[in-house]
PDB file of N, CA and C in Angstrom:
ATOM      1  N   MET A   1      84.145  96.031 110.462  1.00  0.00           N
ATOM      2  CA  MET A   1      84.609  94.811 110.335  1.00  0.00           C
ATOM      3  C   MET A   1      84.580  94.564 111.515  1.00  0.00           C
ATOM      4  N   ASP A   2      83.975  93.390 111.751  1.00  0.00           N
ATOM      5  CA  ASP A   2      83.917  92.589 112.895  1.00  0.00           C
ATOM      6  C   ASP A   2      84.351  91.092 112.496  1.00  0.00           C
ATOM      7  N   ASP A   3      84.920  90.609 113.867  1.00  0.00           N
ATOM      8  CA  ASP A   3      85.792  89.624 113.643  1.00  0.00           C
ATOM      9  C   ASP A   3      84.945  88.282 114.245  1.00  0.00           C
ATOM     10  N   ILE A   4      84.664  87.497 113.616  1.00  0.00           N
ATOM     11  CA  ILE A   4      84.379  86.183 113.887  1.00  0.00           C
ATOM     12  C   ILE A   4      85.144  85.466 114.230  1.00  0.00           C
ATOM     13  N   GLY A   5      85.996  84.744 115.275  1.00  0.00           N
ATOM     14  CA  GLY A   5      86.758  84.527 114.787  1.00  0.00           C
ATOM     15  C   GLY A   5      88.752  85.012 113.843  1.00  0.00           C
ATOM     16  N   SER A   6      88.970  83.807 112.991  1.00  0.00           N
ATOM     17  CA  SER A   6      89.389  84.590 112.061  1.00  0.00           C
ATOM     18  C   SER A   6      88.914  84.779 110.682  1.00  0.00           C
ATOM     19  N   ILE A   7      87.482  84.874 110.738  1.00  0.00           N
ATOM     20  CA  ILE A   7      86.728  85.205 109.687  1.00  0.00           C
ATOM     21  C   ILE A   7      85.984  86.520 110.477  1.00  0.00           C
ATOM     22  N   ALA A   8      86.355  87.272 108.940  1.00  0.00           N
ATOM     23  CA  ALA A   8      86.095  88.750 109.458  1.00  0.00           C
ATOM     24  C   ALA A   8      84.397  89.527 107.851  1.00  0.00           C
ATOM     25  N   GLN A   9      84.259  90.205 108.638  1.00  0.00           N
ATOM     26  CA  GLN A   9      83.123  90.991 107.696  1.00  0.00           C
ATOM     27  C   GLN A   9      83.383  92.390 107.598  1.00  0.00           C
ATOM     28  N   LEU A  10      84.132  92.296 106.139  1.00  0.00           N
ATOM     29  CA  LEU A  10      83.991  93.320 105.170  1.00  0.00           C
ATOM     30  C   LEU A  10      82.582  94.563 105.204  1.00  0.00           C
ATOM     31  N   GLY A  11      82.469  95.445 105.570  1.00  0.00           N
ATOM     32  CA  GLY A  11      81.368  95.950 104.908  1.00  0.00           C
ATOM     33  C   GLY A  11      81.616  97.159 103.263  1.00  0.00           C
ATOM     34  N   ASP A  12      83.629  97.412 103.569  1.00  0.00           N
ATOM     35  CA  ASP A  12      83.534  98.446 102.508  1.00  0.00           C
ATOM     36  C   ASP A  12      85.243  98.094 102.457  1.00  0.00           C
ATOM     37  N   MET A  13      85.964  98.825 101.207  1.00  0.00           N
ATOM     38  CA  MET A  13      87.350  98.697 101.217  1.00  0.00           C
ATOM     39  C   MET A  13      88.157  99.681  99.651  1.00  0.00           C
ATOM     40  N   ALA A  14      89.167 100.472  99.954  1.00  0.00           N
ATOM     41  CA  ALA A  14      89.351 100.722  99.151  1.00  0.00           C
ATOM     42  C   ALA A  14      90.667 100.310  98.860  1.00  0.00           C
ATOM     43  N   GLY A  15      91.066 100.493  96.968  1.00  0.00           N
ATOM     44  CA  GLY A  15      92.259 100.163  96.570  1.00  0.00           C
ATOM     45  C   GLY A  15      93.324 100.665  96.784  1.00  0.00           C
ATOM     46  N   LYS A  16      93.571 102.034  97.172  1.00  0.00           N
ATOM     47  CA  LYS A  16      94.666 102.680  97.661  1.00  0.00           C
ATOM     48  C   LYS A  16      94.288 103.808  98.652  1.00  0.00           C
ATOM     49  N   PRO A  17      93.923 103.564  99.455  1.00  0.00           N
ATOM     50  CA  PRO A  17      93.674 104.075 100.839  1.00  0.00           C
ATOM     51  C   PRO A  17      94.124 105.007 101.093  1.00  0.00           C
ATOM     52  N   LYS A  18      93.735 106.549 101.474  1.00  0.00           N
ATOM     53  CA  LYS A  18      94.282 107.669 101.923  1.00  0.00           C
ATOM     54  C   LYS A  18      94.774 107.277 103.727  1.00  0.00           C
ATOM     55  N   PHE A  19      96.178 107.570 103.952  1.00  0.00           N
ATOM     56  CA  PHE A  19      96.750 107.872 104.817  1.00  0.00           C
ATOM     57  C   PHE A  19      95.720 107.497 106.546  1.00  0.00           C
ATOM     58  N   ASP A  20      94.945 108.332 106.187  1.00  0.00           N
ATOM     59  CA  ASP A  20      93.786 108.259 107.758  1.00  0.00           C
ATOM     60  C   ASP A  20      93.265 107.488 107.415  1.00  0.00           C
ATOM     61  N   SER A  21      93.097 106.191 106.809  1.00  0.00           N
ATOM     62  CA  SER A  21      91.569 105.182 106.556  1.00  0.00           C
ATOM     63  C   SER A  21      91.278 104.960 107.897  1.00  0.00           C
ATOM     64  N   PRO A  22      90.560 105.072 107.881  1.00  0.00           N
ATOM     65  CA  PRO A  22      89.802 104.217 108.665  1.00  0.00           C
ATOM     66  C   PRO A  22      89.929 102.853 109.638  1.00  0.00           C
ATOM     67  N   SER A  23      91.233 101.548 109.134  1.00  0.00           N
ATOM     68  CA  SER A  23      91.444 100.405 108.833  1.00  0.00           C
ATOM     69  C   SER A  23      92.367 100.728 108.526  1.00  0.00           C
ATOM     70  N   ASN A  24      93.239  99.696 110.157  1.00  0.00           N
ATOM     71  CA  ASN A  24      94.896  98.699 109.669  1.00  0.00           C
ATOM     72  C   ASN A  24      94.962  97.241 108.877  1.00  0.00           C
ATOM     73  N   LEU A  25      94.009  97.128 108.297  1.00  0.00           N
ATOM     74  CA  LEU A  25      94.066  96.137 107.457  1.00  0.00           C
ATOM     75  C   LEU A  25      94.296  96.175 105.655  1.00  0.00           C
ATOM     76  N   VAL A  26      94.335  95.552 105.250  1.00  0.00           N
ATOM     77  CA  VAL A  26      94.980  94.941 103.959  1.00  0.00           C
ATOM     78  C   VAL A  26      94.143  94.036 103.190  1.00  0.00           C
ATOM     79  N   VAL A  27      93.748  94.183 102.065  1.00  0.00           N
ATOM     80  CA  VAL A  27      93.313  93.641 100.864  1.00  0.00           C
ATOM     81  C   VAL A  27      94.511  92.696 100.515  1.00  0.00           C
ATOM     82  N   MET A  28      94.468  91.528 100.550  1.00  0.00           N
ATOM     83  CA  MET A  28      95.985  91.560  99.695  1.00  0.00           C
ATOM     84  C   MET A  28      95.906  89.455  99.348  1.00  0.00           C
ATOM     85  N   TRP A  29      96.813  88.992  98.682  1.00  0.00           N
ATOM     86  CA  TRP A  29      97.097  87.721  98.400  1.00  0.00           C
ATOM     87  C   TRP A  29      95.765  86.908  97.268  1.00  0.00           C
ATOM     88  N   ARG A  30      94.677  85.663  98.179  1.00  0.00           N
ATOM     89  CA  ARG A  30      94.222  85.369  97.180  1.00  0.00           C
ATOM     90  C   ARG A  30      92.765  85.570  97.133  1.00  0.00           C
ATOM     91  N   TYR A  31      91.953  85.535  96.148  1.00  0.00           N
ATOM     92  CA  TYR A  31      90.373  85.975  96.473  1.00  0.00           C
ATOM     93  C   TYR A  31      89.947  84.909  95.762  1.00  0.00           C
ATOM     94  N   VAL A  32      88.573  83.963  96.466  1.00  0.00           N
ATOM     95  CA  VAL A  32      87.144  83.585  95.882  1.00  0.00           C
ATOM     96  C   VAL A  32      85.960  84.602  96.104  1.00  0.00           C
ATOM     97  N   LEU A  33      86.011  84.397  94.927  1.00  0.00           N
ATOM     98  CA  LEU A  33      84.965  85.479  93.946  1.00  0.00           C
ATOM     99  C   LEU A  33      83.839  85.426  93.505  1.00  0.00           C
ATOM    100  N   MET A  34      82.559  85.782  94.182  1.00  0.00           N
ATOM    101  CA  MET A  34      81.025  85.540  93.649  1.00  0.00           C
ATOM    102  C   MET A  34      80.837  85.981  93.089  1.00  0.00           C
ATOM    103  N   PRO A  35      80.378  85.231  91.493  1.00  0.00           N
ATOM    104  CA  PRO A  35      79.874  85.898  90.536  1.00  0.00           C
ATOM    105  C   PRO A  35      79.324  87.152  90.139  1.00  0.00           C
ATOM    106  N   ARG A  36      78.949  88.124  91.272  1.00  0.00           N
ATOM    107  CA  ARG A  36      78.693  89.217  90.868  1.00  0.00           C
ATOM    108  C   ARG A  36      79.551  90.126  90.923  1.00  0.00           C
ATOM    109  N   VAL A  37      80.379  89.849  91.631  1.00  0.00           N
ATOM    110  CA  VAL A  37      81.839  90.090  91.184  1.00  0.00           C
ATOM    111  C   VAL A  37      81.879  90.721  90.177  1.00  0.00           C
ATOM    112  N   ILE A  38      82.942  89.237  88.987  1.00  0.00           N
ATOM    113  CA  ILE A  38      82.965  89.259  88.103  1.00  0.00           C
ATOM    114  C   ILE A  38      81.828  90.594  87.128  1.00  0.00           C
ATOM    115  N   ALA A  39      80.897  90.428  87.355  1.00  0.00           N
ATOM    116  CA  ALA A  39      79.599  90.963  86.611  1.00  0.00           C
ATOM    117  C   ALA A  39      79.965  92.007  87.032  1.00  0.00           C
ATOM    118  N   ASN A  40      80.340  92.980  88.271  1.00  0.00           N
ATOM    119  CA  ASN A  40      80.670  94.332  88.773  1.00  0.00           C
ATOM    120  C   ASN A  40      82.424  94.535  87.802  1.00  0.00           C
ATOM    121  N   LEU A  41      83.087  93.481  87.710  1.00  0.00           N
ATOM    122  CA  LEU A  41      84.241  93.505  86.963  1.00  0.00           C
ATOM    123  C   LEU A  41      84.004  94.674  84.963  1.00  0.00           C
ATOM    124  N   ASN A  42      82.802  94.109  84.909  1.00  0.00           N
ATOM    125  CA  ASN A  42      82.046  95.289  83.256  1.00  0.00           C
ATOM    126  C   ASN A  42      82.184  96.136  83.672  1.00  0.00           C
ATOM    127  N   LYS A  43      81.683  96.745  84.650  1.00  0.00           N
ATOM    128  CA  LYS A  43      81.467  98.238  85.025  1.00  0.00           C
ATOM    129  C   LYS A  43      82.272  98.654  84.788  1.00  0.00           C
ATOM    130  N   GLY A  44      83.562  98.270  84.775  1.00  0.00           N
ATOM    131  CA  GLY A  44      84.982  99.728  85.142  1.00  0.00           C
ATOM    132  C   GLY A  44      84.829 100.437  86.333  1.00  0.00           C
ATOM    133  N   GLY A  45      86.159 100.490  87.012  1.00  0.00           N
ATOM    134  CA  GLY A  45      86.165 101.894  87.789  1.00  0.00           C
ATOM    135  C   GLY A  45      87.222 102.574  87.923  1.00  0.00           C
ATOM    136  N   ALA A  46      87.762 102.646  89.525  1.00  0.00           N
ATOM    137  CA  ALA A  46      88.694 104.377  89.379  1.00  0.00           C
ATOM    138  C   ALA A  46      89.564 103.852  87.905  1.00  0.00           C
ATOM    139  N   GLY A  47      89.410 105.410  87.733  1.00  0.00           N
ATOM    140  CA  GLY A  47      90.437 105.422  85.818  1.00  0.00           C
ATOM    141  C   GLY A  47      89.832 104.940  84.610  1.00  0.00           C
ATOM    142  N   GLY A  48      88.648 104.357  85.422  1.00  0.00           N
ATOM    143  CA  GLY A  48      88.505 103.816  83.579  1.00  0.00           C
ATOM    144  C   GLY A  48      88.245 102.462  83.466  1.00  0.00           C
ATOM    145  N   GLY A  49      89.432 102.202  84.571  1.00  0.00           N
ATOM    146  CA  GLY A  49      90.287 100.517  84.277  1.00  0.00           C
ATOM    147  C   GLY A  49      89.799  99.465  84.725  1.00  0.00           C
ATOM    148  N   ILE A  50      89.610  98.426  84.348  1.00  0.00           N
ATOM    149  CA  ILE A  50      88.989  97.058  85.539  1.00  0.00           C
ATOM    150  C   ILE A  50      89.771  97.506  86.723  1.00  0.00           C
ATOM    151  N   GLN A  51      89.311  97.408  87.500  1.00  0.00           N
ATOM    152  CA  GLN A  51      89.639  97.244  89.059  1.00  0.00           C
ATOM    153  C   GLN A  51      88.690  96.259  90.177  1.00  0.00           C
ATOM    154  N   LEU A  52      90.168  95.127  90.563  1.00  0.00           N
ATOM    155  CA  LEU A  52      88.980  94.435  91.238  1.00  0.00           C
ATOM    156  C   LEU A  52      88.794  94.700  92.612  1.00  0.00           C
ATOM    157  N   THR A  53      89.225  95.661  93.486  1.00  0.00           N
ATOM    158  CA  THR A  53      88.599  96.238  94.351  1.00  0.00           C
ATOM    159  C   THR A  53      87.417  96.927  94.535  1.00  0.00           C
ATOM    160  N   ASP A  54      87.203  97.581  93.181  1.00  0.00           N
ATOM    161  CA  ASP A  54      86.198  98.543  93.244  1.00  0.00           C
ATOM    162  C   ASP A  54      84.770  97.615  92.403  1.00  0.00           C
ATOM    163  N   ALA A  55      85.177  96.215  91.932  1.00  0.00           N
ATOM    164  CA  ALA A  55      84.251  95.622  92.067  1.00  0.00           C
ATOM    165  C   ALA A  55      83.821  94.866  93.380  1.00  0.00           C
ATOM    166  N   THR A  56      84.352  94.509  94.059  1.00  0.00           N
ATOM    167  CA  THR A  56      84.332  94.053  95.537  1.00  0.00           C
ATOM    168  C   THR A  56      84.158  94.652  96.339  1.00  0.00           C
ATOM    169  N   ALA A  57      84.006  95.660  96.154  1.00  0.00           N
ATOM    170  CA  ALA A  57      83.626  96.352  97.187  1.00  0.00           C
ATOM    171  C   ALA A  57      82.084  97.258  97.113  1.00  0.00           C
ATOM    172  N   GLU A  58      82.104  97.164  95.528  1.00  0.00           N
ATOM    173  CA  GLU A  58      80.363  97.540  95.000  1.00  0.00           C
ATOM    174  C   GLU A  58      79.316  95.679  95.819  1.00  0.00           C
ATOM    175  N   GLU A  59      80.437  95.469  95.448  1.00  0.00           N
ATOM    176  CA  GLU A  59      78.941  93.508  96.067  1.00  0.00           C
ATOM    177  C   GLU A  59      79.701  93.832  97.641  1.00  0.00           C
ATOM    178  N   ALA A  60      80.074  94.121  98.420  1.00  0.00           N
ATOM    179  CA  ALA A  60      80.156  94.541  99.492  1.00  0.00           C
ATOM    180  C   ALA A  60      78.942  95.178 100.271  1.00  0.00           C
ATOM    181  N   LEU A  61      79.148  96.648  98.945  1.00  0.00           N
ATOM    182  CA  LEU A  61      77.960  97.606  99.542  1.00  0.00           C
ATOM    183  C   LEU A  61      76.510  96.799  99.202  1.00  0.00           C
ATOM    184  N   THR A  62      76.472  96.327  98.464  1.00  0.00           N
ATOM    185  CA  THR A  62      74.905  95.855  97.815  1.00  0.00           C
ATOM    186  C   THR A  62      74.585  94.721  98.983  1.00  0.00           C
ATOM    187  N   ARG A  63      75.548  93.626  99.197  1.00  0.00           N
ATOM    188  CA  ARG A  63      75.199  92.465 100.055  1.00  0.00           C
ATOM    189  C   ARG A  63      75.485  92.735 101.669  1.00  0.00           C
ATOM    190  N   GLY A  64      75.794  94.063 101.928  1.00  0.00           N
ATOM    191  CA  GLY A  64      76.156  94.886 103.335  1.00  0.00           C
ATOM    192  C   GLY A  64      77.510  94.836 104.225  1.00  0.00           C
ATOM    193  N   GLN A  65      78.029  93.019 103.132  1.00  0.00           N
ATOM    194  CA  GLN A  65      79.155  93.086 104.009  1.00  0.00           C
ATOM    195  C   GLN A  65      79.599  91.683 102.871  1.00  0.00           C
ATOM    196  N   MET A  66      80.599  91.393 103.204  1.00  0.00           N
ATOM    197  CA  MET A  66      81.009  90.277 102.614  1.00  0.00           C
ATOM    198  C   MET A  66      82.328  89.358 103.536  1.00  0.00           C
ATOM    199  N   PRO A  67      82.246  88.257 103.832  1.00  0.00           N
ATOM    200  CA  PRO A  67      83.599  87.820 104.164  1.00  0.00           C
ATOM    201  C   PRO A  67      84.257  87.932 104.103  1.00  0.00           C
ATOM    202  N   GLY A  68      85.336  88.126 104.807  1.00  0.00           N
ATOM    203  CA  GLY A  68      87.499  87.423 104.476  1.00  0.00           C
ATOM    204  C   GLY A  68      87.675  86.904 105.586  1.00  0.00           C
ATOM    205  N   PHE A  69      89.045  86.608 105.110  1.00  0.00           N
ATOM    206  CA  PHE A  69      89.467  85.605 106.078  1.00  0.00           C
ATOM    207  C   PHE A  69      90.910  86.659 106.876  1.00  0.00           C
ATOM    208  N   ARG A  70      90.824  86.581 108.003  1.00  0.00           N
ATOM    209  CA  ARG A  70      91.808  88.024 108.759  1.00  0.00           C
ATOM    210  C   ARG A  70      93.054  86.686 109.036  1.00  0.00           C
ATOM    211  N   LEU A  71      94.467  86.799 108.366  1.00  0.00           N
ATOM    212  CA  LEU A  71      95.464  86.767 108.288  1.00  0.00           C
ATOM    213  C   LEU A  71      96.783  87.641 109.419  1.00  0.00           C
ATOM    214  N   ARG A  72      97.070  87.140 110.428  1.00  0.00           N
ATOM    215  CA  ARG A  72      98.220  87.671 110.992  1.00  0.00           C
ATOM    216  C   ARG A  72      99.431  88.268 110.086  1.00  0.00           C
ATOM    217  N   GLY A  73     100.004  89.227 110.150  1.00  0.00           N
ATOM    218  CA  GLY A  73     101.726  88.442 110.415  1.00  0.00           C
ATOM    219  C   GLY A  73     102.170  89.826 109.061  1.00  0.00           C
ATOM    220  N   GLN A  74     103.207  89.981 108.148  1.00  0.00           N
ATOM    221  CA  GLN A  74     103.697  91.318 108.214  1.00  0.00           C
ATOM    222  C   GLN A  74     103.390  91.119 106.288  1.00  0.00           C
ATOM    223  N   SER A  75     103.059  92.334 106.587  1.00  0.00           N
ATOM    224  CA  SER A  75     102.711  92.268 104.452  1.00  0.00           C
ATOM    225  C   SER A  75     104.126  92.894 103.543  1.00  0.00           C
ATOM    226  N   LYS A  76     104.136  93.070 102.772  1.00  0.00           N
ATOM    227  CA  LYS A  76     105.385  94.195 101.900  1.00  0.00           C
ATOM    228  C   LYS A  76     104.635  94.219 100.763  1.00  0.00           C
ATOM    229  N   ASP A  77     105.116  95.555 100.134  1.00  0.00           N
ATOM    230  CA  ASP A  77     104.357  96.215  99.103  1.00  0.00           C
ATOM    231  C   ASP A  77     105.407  95.583  97.409  1.00  0.00           C
ATOM    232  N   CYS A  78     104.713  94.094  96.821  1.00  0.00           N
ATOM    233  CA  CYS A  78     105.183  93.823  96.324  1.00  0.00           C
ATOM    234  C   CYS A  78     105.623  94.148  94.865  1.00  0.00           C
ATOM    235  N   GLY A  79     104.299  95.741  94.581  1.00  0.00           N
ATOM    236  CA  GLY A  79     104.600  96.439  93.314  1.00  0.00           C
ATOM    237  C   GLY A  79     105.245  97.328  93.274  1.00  0.00           C
ATOM    238  N   SER A  80     106.549  96.995  94.186  1.00  0.00           N
ATOM    239  CA  SER A  80     107.681  97.792  94.039  1.00  0.00           C
ATOM    240  C   SER A  80     108.862  97.220  93.516  1.00  0.00           C
ATOM    241  N   LYS A  81     109.912  97.531  93.123  1.00  0.00           N
ATOM    242  CA  LYS A  81     111.195  96.683  93.226  1.00  0.00           C
ATOM    243  C   LYS A  81     111.926  96.536  94.340  1.00  0.00           C
ATOM    244  N   SER A  82     111.975  97.375  95.352  1.00  0.00           N
ATOM    245  CA  SER A  82     112.301  97.453  97.153  1.00  0.00           C
ATOM    246  C   SER A  82     111.396  96.558  97.575  1.00  0.00           C
ATOM    247  N   GLY A  83     109.816  96.409  97.306  1.00  0.00           N
ATOM    248  CA  GLY A  83     108.835  95.885  98.280  1.00  0.00           C
ATOM    249  C   GLY A  83     109.494  94.445  97.736  1.00  0.00           C
ATOM    250  N   VAL A  84     109.949  94.307  97.014  1.00  0.00           N
ATOM    251  CA  VAL A  84     109.829  92.395  96.380  1.00  0.00           C
ATOM    252  C   VAL A  84     110.856  92.145  96.806  1.00  0.00           C
ATOM    253  N   LEU A  85     111.928  93.043  97.128  1.00  0.00           N
ATOM    254  CA  LEU A  85     113.851  92.456  97.546  1.00  0.00           C
ATOM    255  C   LEU A  85     113.199  92.528  99.097  1.00  0.00           C
ATOM    256  N   GLN A  86     112.487  93.250  99.840  1.00  0.00           N
ATOM    257  CA  GLN A  86     111.863  93.067 101.289  1.00  0.00           C
ATOM    258  C   GLN A  86     111.381  92.292 101.954  1.00  0.00           C
ATOM    259  N   ALA A  87     110.943  91.593 100.667  1.00  0.00           N
ATOM    260  CA  ALA A  87     109.530  90.380 101.287  1.00  0.00           C
ATOM    261  C   ALA A  87     110.646  89.335 101.347  1.00  0.00           C
ATOM    262  N   THR A  88     111.216  89.194  99.694  1.00  0.00           N
ATOM    263  CA  THR A  88     112.582  87.943  99.605  1.00  0.00           C
ATOM    264  C   THR A  88     113.472  88.134 100.864  1.00  0.00           C
ATOM    265  N   VAL A  89     113.555  89.126 101.040  1.00  0.00           N
ATOM    266  CA  VAL A  89     114.417  88.868 102.504  1.00  0.00           C
ATOM    267  C   VAL A  89     113.708  88.309 103.796  1.00  0.00           C
ATOM    268  N   ALA A  90     112.561  88.979 103.977  1.00  0.00           N
ATOM    269  CA  ALA A  90     112.082  88.873 105.180  1.00  0.00           C
ATOM    270  C   ALA A  90     111.486  86.722 104.811  1.00  0.00           C
ATOM    271  N   PHE A  91     111.303  86.694 103.752  1.00  0.00           N
ATOM    272  CA  PHE A  91     110.906  85.747 104.025  1.00  0.00           C
ATOM    273  C   PHE A  91     112.111  84.060 103.786  1.00  0.00           C
ATOM    274  N   GLY A  92     114.057  84.582 103.302  1.00  0.00           N
ATOM    275  CA  GLY A  92     114.655  83.314 103.584  1.00  0.00           C
ATOM    276  C   GLY A  92     115.307  84.080 105.120  1.00  0.00           C
ATOM    277  N   LEU A  93     115.071  84.813 105.522  1.00  0.00           N
ATOM    278  CA  LEU A  93     115.251  85.050 107.178  1.00  0.00           C
ATOM    279  C   LEU A  93     114.443  84.458 107.868  1.00  0.00           C
ATOM    280  N   SER A  94     113.175  83.996 107.506  1.00  0.00           N
ATOM    281  CA  SER A  94     112.554  83.438 108.502  1.00  0.00           C
ATOM    282  C   SER A  94     111.571  81.869 108.265  1.00  0.00           C
ATOM    283  N   ARG A  95     113.140  81.587 107.546  1.00  0.00           N
ATOM    284  CA  ARG A  95     112.591  80.349 106.961  1.00  0.00           C
ATOM    285  C   ARG A  95     114.619  79.165 107.279  1.00  0.00           C
ATOM    286  N   SER A  96     114.598  78.245 108.686  1.00  0.00           N
ATOM    287  CA  SER A  96     115.295  77.621 109.214  1.00  0.00           C
ATOM    288  C   SER A  96     116.452  76.783 108.107  1.00  0.00           C
ATOM    289  N   ASP A  97     115.478  76.619 107.438  1.00  0.00           N
ATOM    290  CA  ASP A  97     117.154  75.932 106.170  1.00  0.00           C
ATOM    291  C   ASP A  97     117.841  77.134 105.602  1.00  0.00           C
ATOM    292  N   GLN A  98     117.736  78.060 105.408  1.00  0.00           N
ATOM    293  CA  GLN A  98     117.428  79.699 104.939  1.00  0.00           C
ATOM    294  C   GLN A  98     118.309  80.515 105.744  1.00  0.00           C
ATOM    295  N   ARG A  99     117.814  80.474 106.544  1.00  0.00           N
ATOM    296  CA  ARG A  99     118.293  81.686 107.728  1.00  0.00           C
ATOM    297  C   ARG A  99     119.314  81.914 108.022  1.00  0.00           C
ATOM    298  N   ASP A 100     120.636  81.295 108.404  1.00  0.00           N
ATOM    299  CA  ASP A 100     122.123  81.222 108.746  1.00  0.00           C
ATOM    300  C   ASP A 100     123.019  81.322 106.648  1.00  0.00           C
ATOM    301  N   ALA A 101     122.667  81.238 105.616  1.00  0.00           N
ATOM    302  CA  ALA A 101     123.533  81.891 104.228  1.00  0.00           C
ATOM    303  C   ALA A 101     122.828  82.956 105.259  1.00  0.00           C
ATOM    304  N   PHE A 102     121.600  83.180 105.028  1.00  0.00           N
ATOM    305  CA  PHE A 102     121.112  84.558 104.864  1.00  0.00           C
ATOM    306  C   PHE A 102     121.609  85.871 105.431  1.00  0.00           C
ATOM    307  N   SER A 103     121.885  85.375 106.710  1.00  0.00           N
ATOM    308  CA  SER A 103     122.601  85.527 107.829  1.00  0.00           C
ATOM    309  C   SER A 103     123.683  86.687 107.204  1.00  0.00           C
ATOM    310  N   ARG A 104     124.838  85.104 106.824  1.00  0.00           N
ATOM    311  CA  ARG A 104     126.566  85.305 106.504  1.00  0.00           C
ATOM    312  C   ARG A 104     126.320  86.435 105.205  1.00  0.00           C
ATOM    313  N   TYR A 105     125.300  86.359 104.417  1.00  0.00           N
ATOM    314  CA  TYR A 105     125.672  86.822 103.547  1.00  0.00           C
ATOM    315  C   TYR A 105     125.507  88.668 104.108  1.00  0.00           C
ATOM    316  N   PHE A 106     124.530  88.661 104.495  1.00  0.00           N
ATOM    317  CA  PHE A 106     124.214  89.926 105.001  1.00  0.00           C
ATOM    318  C   PHE A 106     125.280  90.980 106.204  1.00  0.00           C
ATOM    319  N   ASN A 107     125.890  90.158 106.237  1.00  0.00           N
ATOM    320  CA  ASN A 107     127.326  90.072 107.378  1.00  0.00           C
ATOM    321  C   ASN A 107     128.409  90.227 106.679  1.00  0.00           C
ATOM    322  N   HIS A 108     128.386  90.032 105.400  1.00  0.00           N
ATOM    323  CA  HIS A 108     129.390  89.561 104.819  1.00  0.00           C
ATOM    324  C   HIS A 108     128.957  91.428 103.944  1.00  0.00           C
ATOM    325  N   LEU A 109     127.970  91.695 104.138  1.00  0.00           N
ATOM    326  CA  LEU A 109     127.878  93.279 103.032  1.00  0.00           C
ATOM    327  C   LEU A 109     127.963  94.898 103.609  1.00  0.00           C
ATOM    328  N   ALA A 110     127.459  93.771 104.777  1.00  0.00           N
ATOM    329  CA  ALA A 110     127.718  94.995 106.411  1.00  0.00           C
ATOM    330  C   ALA A 110     129.798  94.936 105.912  1.00  0.00           C
ATOM    331  N   ALA A 111     131.106  94.413 106.132  1.00  0.00           N
ATOM    332  CA  ALA A 111     131.584  93.775 106.435  1.00  0.00           C
ATOM    333  C   ALA A 111     131.984  95.155 105.307  1.00  0.00           C
ATOM    334  N   MET A 112     132.108  94.649 104.133  1.00  0.00           N
ATOM    335  CA  MET A 112     131.910  95.252 102.872  1.00  0.00           C
ATOM    336  C   MET A 112     131.700  96.555 102.936  1.00  0.00           C
ATOM    337  N   GLN A 113     130.658  97.108 103.690  1.00  0.00           N
ATOM    338  CA  GLN A 113     130.427  98.405 103.216  1.00  0.00           C
ATOM    339  C   GLN A 113     131.619  99.039 104.551  1.00  0.00           C
ATOM    340  N   LYS A 114     131.155  98.643 105.415  1.00  0.00           N
ATOM    341  CA  LYS A 114     132.514  99.642 106.966  1.00  0.00           C
ATOM    342  C   LYS A 114     133.936 100.007 105.744  1.00  0.00           C
ATOM    343  N   VAL A 115     134.352  98.954 104.956  1.00  0.00           N
ATOM    344  CA  VAL A 115     135.805  99.123 104.405  1.00  0.00           C
ATOM    345  C   VAL A 115     135.794  99.520 103.725  1.00  0.00           C
ATOM    346  N   ALA A 116     134.464  99.911 102.388  1.00  0.00           N
ATOM    347  CA  ALA A 116     134.679 100.657 101.612  1.00  0.00           C
ATOM    348  C   ALA A 116     134.469 102.191 102.084  1.00  0.00           C
ATOM    349  N   HIS A 117     133.658 102.184 103.252  1.00  0.00           N
ATOM    350  CA  HIS A 117     133.742 103.531 103.776  1.00  0.00           C
ATOM    351  C   HIS A 117     135.302 104.176 104.779  1.00  0.00           C
ATOM    352  N   TRP A 118     135.633 103.306 104.711  1.00  0.00           N
ATOM    353  CA  TRP A 118     137.488 103.346 105.894  1.00  0.00           C
ATOM    354  C   TRP A 118     137.626 103.584 104.694  1.00  0.00           C
ATOM    355  N   ASP A 119     137.860 103.181 103.635  1.00  0.00           N
ATOM    356  CA  ASP A 119     138.526 103.274 101.990  1.00  0.00           C
ATOM    357  C   ASP A 119     138.564 104.620 101.537  1.00  0.00           C
ATOM    358  N   ARG A 120     137.273 104.973 101.720  1.00  0.00           N
ATOM    359  CA  ARG A 120     137.138 106.599 100.734  1.00  0.00           C
ATOM    360  C   ARG A 120     137.661 107.772 102.038  1.00  0.00           C
ATOM    361  N   LEU A 121     137.664 107.217 103.617  1.00  0.00           N
ATOM    362  CA  LEU A 121     137.902 108.442 104.254  1.00  0.00           C
ATOM    363  C   LEU A 121     139.371 107.788 104.225  1.00  0.00           C
ATOM    364  N   LEU A 122     139.991 106.780 103.971  1.00  0.00           N
ATOM    365  CA  LEU A 122     141.497 107.128 104.231  1.00  0.00           C
ATOM    366  C   LEU A 122     142.280 108.365 102.836  1.00  0.00           C
ATOM    367  N   ARG A 123     141.183 107.385 101.584  1.00  0.00           N
ATOM    368  CA  ARG A 123     141.748 108.222 100.757  1.00  0.00           C
ATOM    369  C   ARG A 123     141.705 109.529 100.172  1.00  0.00           C
ATOM    370  N   SER A 124     141.033 110.262 101.386  1.00  0.00           N
ATOM    371  CA  SER A 124     140.360 112.050 100.779  1.00  0.00           C
ATOM    372  C   SER A 124     141.401 112.338 102.074  1.00  0.00           C
TER     373      SER A 124
END
């Protein structure tokens, strides 16, 4: 993938890449799809299902590359309960109008955990 400012040219992509993937980039958020990508969806993808990543990758291979927009920042896996919670916390802490309330809440939770820990120790 070559950078052109914030625009990147994608040569290939994988829906769930192996740990030793040749890239540290992810495909996420919003898509603007070319009509041929929609046509590729009808062909099916990994596991016989409809796979947007596979359809997009096929178009990238056919065209030689596809444009993408490079965003900088963090991402969370919102396909898991833990990831949704992590994203919610990160979002709350990133907002100046929410940060203080979130911080007070987390400090309260941490204090309650310490109390519970000492209570268990004292009762044993």
